[in-house]
Amino acid sequence: MALFKKRTVGKPGEWYYCLVHHKVEEGPECPAKDRFGPYGTREEADHAMQTAQERNLEWETDPKWHDKPPEQED
């Protein structure tokens, strides 16, 4: 007999994008490590990879996240 129940975090009405199966899920079907979300709508979850790509590009080009190169002495 198991002492602990296996619980999935989340609830119906929350949308997730599964990174393993490349599909949108209502309520989590896959483990948290394999999904993005929760999203408020199915459409937002459906565009999760595009959103992530856009955010990564923003962060990669944000000067606040890059140290200035050390100044060379002559």
Protein backbone atom coordinates (compact mmCIF):
# COMPACT_ATOMS: atom_id res chain seq x y z
CA MET A 1 0.00 0.00 0.00
CA ALA A 2 1.37 3.38 -1.01
CA LEU A 3 1.79 5.98 1.71
CA PHE A 4 1.56 8.91 -0.66
CA LYS A 5 -0.69 9.51 -3.60
CA LYS A 6 0.92 10.64 -6.82
CA ARG A 7 -0.51 14.08 -7.39
CA THR A 8 -0.44 16.11 -10.56
CA VAL A 9 -0.28 19.84 -9.96
CA GLY A 10 -2.75 21.99 -11.84
CA LYS A 11 -6.42 21.98 -12.61
CA PRO A 12 -8.81 21.93 -15.54
CA GLY A 13 -9.04 25.30 -17.26
CA GLU A 14 -5.27 25.73 -17.13
CA TRP A 15 -3.48 25.03 -20.38
CA TYR A 16 0.01 23.60 -20.83
CA TYR A 17 2.34 22.83 -23.72
CA CYS A 18 4.04 19.42 -23.45
CA LEU A 19 7.66 19.55 -24.64
CA VAL A 20 7.84 15.77 -25.06
CA HIS A 21 4.67 15.19 -27.05
CA HIS A 22 4.57 18.65 -28.71
CA LYS A 23 0.92 19.13 -27.88
CA VAL A 24 -1.40 21.33 -25.83
CA GLU A 25 -2.93 19.82 -22.69
CA GLU A 26 -5.79 21.03 -20.51
CA GLY A 27 -4.75 20.44 -16.95
CA PRO A 28 -1.37 18.79 -16.73
CA GLU A 29 -1.07 15.35 -18.28
CA CYS A 30 2.73 15.21 -18.29
CA PRO A 31 5.25 15.92 -15.49
CA ALA A 32 6.12 19.56 -14.75
CA LYS A 33 9.66 19.08 -16.03
CA ASP A 34 8.25 18.33 -19.49
CA ARG A 35 5.86 21.24 -19.96
CA PHE A 36 5.45 25.01 -20.23
CA GLY A 37 2.56 26.71 -18.48
CA PRO A 38 0.06 27.22 -17.15
CA TYR A 39 -1.47 29.48 -19.76
CA GLY A 40 -4.86 31.15 -19.53
CA THR A 41 -6.07 29.97 -22.93
CA ARG A 42 -5.52 27.11 -25.35
CA GLU A 43 -4.23 29.58 -27.96
CA GLU A 44 -1.54 30.91 -25.61
CA ALA A 45 -0.39 27.36 -24.88
CA ASP A 46 -0.42 26.56 -28.60
CA HIS A 47 2.06 29.41 -29.19
CA ALA A 48 4.31 28.49 -26.23
CA MET A 49 7.36 27.63 -28.33
CA GLN A 50 7.08 30.84 -30.35
CA THR A 51 6.70 32.87 -27.16
CA ALA A 52 9.74 31.17 -25.63
CA GLN A 53 11.79 31.84 -28.77
CA GLU A 54 10.81 35.53 -28.76
CA ARG A 55 11.67 35.89 -25.07
CA ASN A 56 15.02 34.16 -25.54
CA LEU A 57 15.86 36.55 -28.36
CA GLU A 58 14.91 39.54 -26.19
CA TRP A 59 17.12 38.31 -23.36
CA GLU A 60 20.05 37.50 -25.65
CA THR A 61 20.00 41.02 -27.09
CA ASP A 62 19.27 42.87 -23.81
CA PRO A 63 22.38 44.85 -22.84
CA LYS A 64 21.46 44.60 -19.15
CA TRP A 65 22.21 40.87 -19.27
CA HIS A 66 25.66 41.16 -20.83
CA ASP A 67 28.80 42.29 -19.07
CA LYS A 68 30.92 44.86 -20.80
CA PRO A 69 34.18 43.45 -22.15
CA PRO A 70 37.19 44.39 -20.03
CA GLU A 71 39.01 47.46 -21.29
CA GLN A 72 42.46 46.76 -22.59
CA GLU A 73 45.42 48.74 -21.33
CA ASP A 74 47.99 50.08 -23.75
